[in-house]
PDB file of N, CA and C in Angstrom:
ATOM      1  N   UNK A   1       5.906   0.041   7.935  1.00  0.00           N
ATOM      2  CA  UNK A   1       5.308   1.008   8.836  1.00  0.00           C
ATOM      3  C   UNK A   1       3.798   0.999   8.612  1.00  0.00           C
ATOM      4  N   UNK A   2       3.067   1.037   9.688  1.00  0.00           N
ATOM      5  CA  UNK A   2       1.613   1.036   9.590  1.00  0.00           C
ATOM      6  C   UNK A   2       1.110   2.386   9.079  1.00  0.00           C
ATOM      7  N   UNK A   3      -0.059   2.347   8.444  1.00  0.00           N
ATOM      8  CA  UNK A   3      -0.623   3.543   7.822  1.00  0.00           C
ATOM      9  C   UNK A   3      -0.736   4.703   8.797  1.00  0.00           C
ATOM     10  N   UNK A   4      -1.248   4.458   9.994  1.00  0.00           N
ATOM     11  CA  UNK A   4      -1.438   5.576  10.926  1.00  0.00           C
ATOM     12  C   UNK A   4      -0.107   6.208  11.322  1.00  0.00           C
ATOM     13  N   UNK A   5       0.927   5.405  11.430  1.00  0.00           N
ATOM     14  CA  UNK A   5       2.250   5.951  11.740  1.00  0.00           C
ATOM     15  C   UNK A   5       2.806   6.759  10.573  1.00  0.00           C
ATOM     16  N   UNK A   6       2.573   6.280   9.353  1.00  0.00           N
ATOM     17  CA  UNK A   6       3.044   6.994   8.161  1.00  0.00           C
ATOM     18  C   UNK A   6       2.349   8.353   8.060  1.00  0.00           C
ATOM     19  N   UNK A   7       1.051   8.387   8.342  1.00  0.00           N
ATOM     20  CA  UNK A   7       0.306   9.649   8.285  1.00  0.00           C
ATOM     21  C   UNK A   7       0.872  10.662   9.269  1.00  0.00           C
ATOM     22  N   UNK A   8       1.125  10.207  10.477  1.00  0.00           N
ATOM     23  CA  UNK A   8       1.676  11.105  11.494  1.00  0.00           C
ATOM     24  C   UNK A   8       3.078  11.568  11.106  1.00  0.00           C
ATOM     25  N   UNK A   9       3.879  10.660  10.587  1.00  0.00           N
ATOM     26  CA  UNK A   9       5.237  10.989  10.162  1.00  0.00           C
ATOM     27  C   UNK A   9       5.219  12.052   9.059  1.00  0.00           C
ATOM     28  N   UNK A  10       4.366  11.865   8.074  1.00  0.00           N
ATOM     29  CA  UNK A  10       4.265  12.828   6.967  1.00  0.00           C
ATOM     30  C   UNK A  10       3.853  14.207   7.476  1.00  0.00           C
ATOM     31  N   UNK A  11       2.870  14.227   8.355  1.00  0.00           N
ATOM     32  CA  UNK A  11       2.393  15.501   8.894  1.00  0.00           C
ATOM     33  C   UNK A  11       3.502  16.204   9.662  1.00  0.00           C
ATOM     34  N   UNK A  12       4.195  15.473  10.503  1.00  0.00           N
ATOM     35  CA  UNK A  12       5.271  16.069  11.298  1.00  0.00           C
ATOM     36  C   UNK A  12       6.439  16.525  10.432  1.00  0.00           C
ATOM     37  N   UNK A  13       6.800  15.726   9.428  1.00  0.00           N
ATOM     38  CA  UNK A  13       7.893  16.104   8.524  1.00  0.00           C
ATOM     39  C   UNK A  13       7.594  17.400   7.773  1.00  0.00           C
ATOM     40  N   UNK A  14       6.307  17.654   7.543  1.00  0.00           N
ATOM     41  CA  UNK A  14       5.901  18.845   6.818  1.00  0.00           C
ATOM     42  C   UNK A  14       5.525  20.002   7.744  1.00  0.00           C
ATOM     43  N   UNK A  15       5.708  19.810   9.049  1.00  0.00           N
ATOM     44  CA  UNK A  15       5.447  20.866  10.015  1.00  0.00           C
ATOM     45  C   UNK A  15       4.003  21.325  10.051  1.00  0.00           C
ATOM     46  N   UNK A  16       3.080  20.378   9.912  1.00  0.00           N
ATOM     47  CA  UNK A  16       1.661  20.710   9.874  1.00  0.00           C
ATOM     48  C   UNK A  16       0.940  20.232  11.122  1.00  0.00           C
ATOM     49  N   UNK A  17      -0.167  20.880  11.426  1.00  0.00           N
ATOM     50  CA  UNK A  17      -1.011  20.455  12.544  1.00  0.00           C
ATOM     51  C   UNK A  17      -2.108  19.537  12.016  1.00  0.00           C
ATOM     52  N   UNK A  18      -2.728  18.816  12.917  1.00  0.00           N
ATOM     53  CA  UNK A  18      -3.869  17.982  12.538  1.00  0.00           C
ATOM     54  C   UNK A  18      -4.944  18.839  11.878  1.00  0.00           C
ATOM     55  N   UNK A  19      -5.178  20.006  12.424  1.00  0.00           N
ATOM     56  CA  UNK A  19      -6.213  20.901  11.893  1.00  0.00           C
ATOM     57  C   UNK A  19      -5.881  21.342  10.473  1.00  0.00           C
ATOM     58  N   UNK A  20      -4.629  21.668  10.215  1.00  0.00           N
ATOM     59  CA  UNK A  20      -4.236  22.097   8.873  1.00  0.00           C
ATOM     60  C   UNK A  20      -4.438  20.987   7.850  1.00  0.00           C
ATOM     61  N   UNK A  21      -4.019  19.787   8.202  1.00  0.00           N
ATOM     62  CA  UNK A  21      -4.150  18.665   7.269  1.00  0.00           C
ATOM     63  C   UNK A  21      -5.614  18.321   7.053  1.00  0.00           C
ATOM     64  N   UNK A  22      -6.374  18.206   8.119  1.00  0.00           N
ATOM     65  CA  UNK A  22      -7.779  17.831   7.973  1.00  0.00           C
ATOM     66  C   UNK A  22      -8.532  18.872   7.153  1.00  0.00           C
ATOM     67  N   UNK A  23      -8.254  20.126   7.376  1.00  0.00           N
ATOM     68  CA  UNK A  23      -8.906  21.195   6.621  1.00  0.00           C
ATOM     69  C   UNK A  23      -8.528  21.129   5.148  1.00  0.00           C
ATOM     70  N   UNK A  24      -7.273  20.916   4.855  1.00  0.00           N
ATOM     71  CA  UNK A  24      -6.803  20.833   3.464  1.00  0.00           C
ATOM     72  C   UNK A  24      -7.408  19.650   2.730  1.00  0.00           C
ATOM     73  N   UNK A  25      -7.694  18.586   3.464  1.00  0.00           N
ATOM     74  CA  UNK A  25      -8.270  17.390   2.856  1.00  0.00           C
ATOM     75  C   UNK A  25      -9.794  17.403   2.835  1.00  0.00           C
ATOM     76  N   UNK A  26     -10.394  18.422   3.468  1.00  0.00           N
ATOM     77  CA  UNK A  26     -11.851  18.499   3.520  1.00  0.00           C
ATOM     78  C   UNK A  26     -12.459  17.505   4.482  1.00  0.00           C
ATOM     79  N   UNK A  27     -11.710  17.194   5.541  1.00  0.00           N
ATOM     80  CA  UNK A  27     -12.174  16.249   6.560  1.00  0.00           C
ATOM     81  C   UNK A  27     -12.355  16.959   7.886  1.00  0.00           C
ATOM     82  N   UNK A  28     -13.147  16.352   8.753  1.00  0.00           N
ATOM     83  CA  UNK A  28     -13.237  16.894  10.103  1.00  0.00           C
ATOM     84  C   UNK A  28     -11.954  16.551  10.849  1.00  0.00           C
ATOM     85  N   UNK A  29     -11.641  17.349  11.838  1.00  0.00           N
ATOM     86  CA  UNK A  29     -10.453  17.107  12.653  1.00  0.00           C
ATOM     87  C   UNK A  29     -10.521  15.726  13.291  1.00  0.00           C
ATOM     88  N   UNK A  30     -11.676  15.368  13.813  1.00  0.00           N
ATOM     89  CA  UNK A  30     -11.796  14.074  14.492  1.00  0.00           C
ATOM     90  C   UNK A  30     -11.634  12.906  13.516  1.00  0.00           C
ATOM     91  N   UNK A  31     -12.142  13.048  12.297  1.00  0.00           N
ATOM     92  CA  UNK A  31     -11.995  11.970  11.311  1.00  0.00           C
ATOM     93  C   UNK A  31     -10.524  11.747  10.992  1.00  0.00           C
ATOM     94  N   UNK A  32      -9.790  12.835  10.726  1.00  0.00           N
ATOM     95  CA  UNK A  32      -8.383  12.671  10.396  1.00  0.00           C
ATOM     96  C   UNK A  32      -7.582  12.174  11.601  1.00  0.00           C
ATOM     97  N   UNK A  33      -7.905  12.663  12.786  1.00  0.00           N
ATOM     98  CA  UNK A  33      -7.217  12.211  13.999  1.00  0.00           C
ATOM     99  C   UNK A  33      -7.421  10.704  14.190  1.00  0.00           C
ATOM    100  N   UNK A  34      -8.608  10.216  13.870  1.00  0.00           N
ATOM    101  CA  UNK A  34      -8.869   8.776  13.972  1.00  0.00           C
ATOM    102  C   UNK A  34      -7.981   7.977  13.027  1.00  0.00           C
ATOM    103  N   UNK A  35      -7.670   8.518  11.852  1.00  0.00           N
ATOM    104  CA  UNK A  35      -6.759   7.844  10.927  1.00  0.00           C
ATOM    105  C   UNK A  35      -5.355   7.788  11.510  1.00  0.00           C
ATOM    106  N   UNK A  36      -4.911   8.908  12.076  1.00  0.00           N
ATOM    107  CA  UNK A  36      -3.554   8.959  12.643  1.00  0.00           C
ATOM    108  C   UNK A  36      -3.408   8.099  13.895  1.00  0.00           C
ATOM    109  N   UNK A  37      -4.483   7.904  14.611  1.00  0.00           N
ATOM    110  CA  UNK A  37      -4.418   7.092  15.826  1.00  0.00           C
ATOM    111  C   UNK A  37      -4.727   5.621  15.567  1.00  0.00           C
ATOM    112  N   UNK A  38      -5.001   5.278  14.309  1.00  0.00           N
ATOM    113  CA  UNK A  38      -5.256   3.890  13.953  1.00  0.00           C
ATOM    114  C   UNK A  38      -6.615   3.391  14.366  1.00  0.00           C
ATOM    115  N   UNK A  39      -7.527   4.303  14.677  1.00  0.00           N
ATOM    116  CA  UNK A  39      -8.878   3.913  15.096  1.00  0.00           C
ATOM    117  C   UNK A  39      -9.723   3.542  13.886  1.00  0.00           C
ATOM    118  N   UNK A  40      -9.538   4.286  12.794  1.00  0.00           N
ATOM    119  CA  UNK A  40     -10.263   4.050  11.549  1.00  0.00           C
ATOM    120  C   UNK A  40      -9.284   4.062  10.388  1.00  0.00           C
ATOM    121  N   UNK A  41      -9.701   3.454   9.283  1.00  0.00           N
ATOM    122  CA  UNK A  41      -8.913   3.444   8.055  1.00  0.00           C
ATOM    123  C   UNK A  41      -9.580   4.385   7.055  1.00  0.00           C
ATOM    124  N   UNK A  42      -8.783   5.177   6.347  1.00  0.00           N
ATOM    125  CA  UNK A  42      -9.373   6.076   5.353  1.00  0.00           C
ATOM    126  C   UNK A  42      -9.905   5.303   4.137  1.00  0.00           C
ATOM    127  N   UNK A  43     -10.902   5.893   3.493  1.00  0.00           N
ATOM    128  CA  UNK A  43     -11.446   5.303   2.271  1.00  0.00           C
ATOM    129  C   UNK A  43     -10.428   5.444   1.141  1.00  0.00           C
ATOM    130  N   UNK A  44     -10.688   4.768   0.042  1.00  0.00           N
ATOM    131  CA  UNK A  44      -9.806   4.865  -1.119  1.00  0.00           C
ATOM    132  C   UNK A  44      -9.762   6.312  -1.611  1.00  0.00           C
ATOM    133  N   UNK A  45     -10.904   6.986  -1.635  1.00  0.00           N
ATOM    134  CA  UNK A  45     -10.948   8.387  -2.065  1.00  0.00           C
ATOM    135  C   UNK A  45     -10.089   9.260  -1.156  1.00  0.00           C
ATOM    136  N   UNK A  46     -10.156   9.030   0.130  1.00  0.00           N
ATOM    137  CA  UNK A  46      -9.359   9.814   1.078  1.00  0.00           C
ATOM    138  C   UNK A  46      -7.875   9.512   0.907  1.00  0.00           C
ATOM    139  N   UNK A  47      -7.534   8.272   0.655  1.00  0.00           N
ATOM    140  CA  UNK A  47      -6.129   7.919   0.403  1.00  0.00           C
ATOM    141  C   UNK A  47      -5.621   8.666  -0.820  1.00  0.00           C
ATOM    142  N   UNK A  48      -6.437   8.748  -1.863  1.00  0.00           N
ATOM    143  CA  UNK A  48      -6.048   9.508  -3.053  1.00  0.00           C
ATOM    144  C   UNK A  48      -5.796  10.973  -2.714  1.00  0.00           C
ATOM    145  N   UNK A  49      -6.697  11.562  -1.921  1.00  0.00           N
ATOM    146  CA  UNK A  49      -6.534  12.970  -1.536  1.00  0.00           C
ATOM    147  C   UNK A  49      -5.275  13.176  -0.712  1.00  0.00           C
ATOM    148  N   UNK A  50      -4.985  12.250   0.189  1.00  0.00           N
ATOM    149  CA  UNK A  50      -3.772  12.338   1.016  1.00  0.00           C
ATOM    150  C   UNK A  50      -2.533  12.269   0.126  1.00  0.00           C
ATOM    151  N   UNK A  51      -2.539  11.361  -0.834  1.00  0.00           N
ATOM    152  CA  UNK A  51      -1.392  11.219  -1.743  1.00  0.00           C
ATOM    153  C   UNK A  51      -1.181  12.482  -2.565  1.00  0.00           C
ATOM    154  N   UNK A  52      -2.252  13.064  -3.074  1.00  0.00           N
ATOM    155  CA  UNK A  52      -2.116  14.310  -3.836  1.00  0.00           C
ATOM    156  C   UNK A  52      -1.633  15.442  -2.947  1.00  0.00           C
ATOM    157  N   UNK A  53      -2.143  15.505  -1.720  1.00  0.00           N
ATOM    158  CA  UNK A  53      -1.769  16.563  -0.784  1.00  0.00           C
ATOM    159  C   UNK A  53      -0.272  16.528  -0.475  1.00  0.00           C
ATOM    160  N   UNK A  54       0.248  15.343  -0.187  1.00  0.00           N
ATOM    161  CA  UNK A  54       1.662  15.207   0.162  1.00  0.00           C
ATOM    162  C   UNK A  54       2.559  14.955  -1.056  1.00  0.00           C
ATOM    163  N   UNK A  55       1.938  14.793  -2.229  1.00  0.00           N
ATOM    164  CA  UNK A  55       2.688  14.510  -3.463  1.00  0.00           C
ATOM    165  C   UNK A  55       3.524  13.232  -3.320  1.00  0.00           C
ATOM    166  N   UNK A  56       2.838  12.171  -2.897  1.00  0.00           N
ATOM    167  CA  UNK A  56       3.461  10.864  -2.702  1.00  0.00           C
ATOM    168  C   UNK A  56       2.628   9.808  -3.421  1.00  0.00           C
ATOM    169  N   UNK A  57       3.203   8.634  -3.597  1.00  0.00           N
ATOM    170  CA  UNK A  57       2.455   7.532  -4.203  1.00  0.00           C
ATOM    171  C   UNK A  57       1.667   6.779  -3.134  1.00  0.00           C
ATOM    172  N   UNK A  58       0.615   6.125  -3.586  1.00  0.00           N
ATOM    173  CA  UNK A  58      -0.160   5.285  -2.670  1.00  0.00           C
ATOM    174  C   UNK A  58       0.706   4.135  -2.163  1.00  0.00           C
ATOM    175  N   UNK A  59       1.619   3.645  -3.001  1.00  0.00           N
ATOM    176  CA  UNK A  59       2.532   2.582  -2.572  1.00  0.00           C
ATOM    177  C   UNK A  59       3.353   3.033  -1.369  1.00  0.00           C
ATOM    178  N   UNK A  60       3.837   4.261  -1.414  1.00  0.00           N
ATOM    179  CA  UNK A  60       4.618   4.784  -0.280  1.00  0.00           C
ATOM    180  C   UNK A  60       3.731   4.920   0.956  1.00  0.00           C
ATOM    181  N   UNK A  61       2.558   5.496   0.775  1.00  0.00           N
ATOM    182  CA  UNK A  61       1.655   5.694   1.910  1.00  0.00           C
ATOM    183  C   UNK A  61       1.282   4.370   2.569  1.00  0.00           C
ATOM    184  N   UNK A  62       1.044   3.365   1.757  1.00  0.00           N
ATOM    185  CA  UNK A  62       0.611   2.069   2.265  1.00  0.00           C
ATOM    186  C   UNK A  62       1.763   1.127   2.580  1.00  0.00           C
ATOM    187  N   UNK A  63       2.988   1.667   2.538  1.00  0.00           N
ATOM    188  CA  UNK A  63       4.202   0.934   2.870  1.00  0.00           C
ATOM    189  C   UNK A  63       4.456  -0.258   1.951  1.00  0.00           C
ATOM    190  N   UNK A  64       4.155  -0.067   0.671  1.00  0.00           N
ATOM    191  CA  UNK A  64       4.463  -1.087  -0.313  1.00  0.00           C
ATOM    192  C   UNK A  64       5.813  -0.827  -0.955  1.00  0.00           C
ATOM    193  N   UNK A  65       6.350   0.379  -0.730  1.00  0.00           N
ATOM    194  CA  UNK A  65       7.694   0.747  -1.170  1.00  0.00           C
ATOM    195  C   UNK A  65       8.249   1.750  -0.183  1.00  0.00           C
ATOM    196  N   UNK A  66       9.562   1.903  -0.166  1.00  0.00           N
ATOM    197  CA  UNK A  66      10.190   2.875   0.712  1.00  0.00           C
ATOM    198  C   UNK A  66      10.314   4.150  -0.055  1.00  0.00           C
TER     199      UNK A  66
END
Protein backbone atom coordinates (compact mmCIF):
# COMPACT_ATOMS: atom_id res chain seq x y z
CA UNK A 1 0.00 0.00 0.00
CA UNK A 2 1.31 3.43 -0.87
CA UNK A 3 2.13 5.87 1.92
CA UNK A 4 -0.67 8.31 1.12
CA UNK A 5 -3.23 5.51 1.19
CA UNK A 6 -1.88 4.20 4.50
CA UNK A 7 -2.13 7.69 6.03
CA UNK A 8 -5.74 8.04 4.96
CA UNK A 9 -6.56 4.52 6.16
CA UNK A 10 -5.04 5.18 9.60
CA UNK A 11 -6.91 8.45 9.97
CA UNK A 12 -10.23 6.90 8.98
CA UNK A 13 -9.72 3.83 11.20
CA UNK A 14 -9.20 6.17 14.14
CA UNK A 15 -12.23 8.32 13.30
CA UNK A 16 -10.18 11.49 12.91
CA UNK A 17 -10.47 14.48 10.61
CA UNK A 18 -7.64 15.94 8.57
CA UNK A 19 -7.74 18.97 10.86
CA UNK A 20 -7.42 16.87 14.01
CA UNK A 21 -4.44 14.92 12.70
CA UNK A 22 -2.64 17.93 11.26
CA UNK A 23 -3.13 19.88 14.48
CA UNK A 24 -1.89 16.99 16.63
CA UNK A 25 1.20 16.67 14.46
CA UNK A 26 1.90 20.42 14.43
CA UNK A 27 1.35 20.67 10.68
CA UNK A 28 -0.81 22.89 8.56
CA UNK A 29 -3.98 21.31 7.22
CA UNK A 30 -2.78 21.78 3.65
CA UNK A 31 0.61 20.16 4.35
CA UNK A 32 -0.97 17.05 5.84
CA UNK A 33 -3.64 16.91 3.12
CA UNK A 34 -0.84 16.93 0.53
CA UNK A 35 0.65 13.84 2.20
CA UNK A 36 -2.69 12.02 2.12
CA UNK A 37 -3.28 12.94 -1.51
CA UNK A 38 0.20 11.81 -2.57
CA UNK A 39 1.22 15.29 -3.70
CA UNK A 40 4.14 15.50 -1.27
CA UNK A 41 6.11 13.06 0.86
CA UNK A 42 6.60 13.74 4.57
CA UNK A 43 10.08 14.32 5.96
CA UNK A 44 11.75 11.73 8.18
CA UNK A 45 10.91 13.88 11.22
CA UNK A 46 7.25 14.00 10.21
CA UNK A 47 7.19 10.24 9.65
CA UNK A 48 8.50 9.81 13.20
CA UNK A 49 5.76 12.08 14.55
CA UNK A 50 3.09 10.18 12.60
CA UNK A 51 4.37 6.86 13.96
CA UNK A 52 4.33 8.14 17.54
CA UNK A 53 0.86 9.65 17.05
CA UNK A 54 -0.67 6.41 15.77
CA UNK A 55 1.60 4.17 17.90
CA UNK A 56 2.81 2.24 14.86
CA UNK A 57 6.20 1.31 13.44
CA UNK A 58 7.77 3.11 10.51
CA UNK A 59 7.94 -0.30 8.79
CA UNK A 60 4.14 -0.53 8.97
CA UNK A 61 3.65 3.04 7.79
CA UNK A 62 6.01 2.57 4.87
CA UNK A 63 4.49 -0.82 3.99
CA UNK A 64 7.61 -2.80 4.80
CA UNK A 65 5.53 -5.10 7.02
CA UNK A 66 1.85 -5.84 7.47
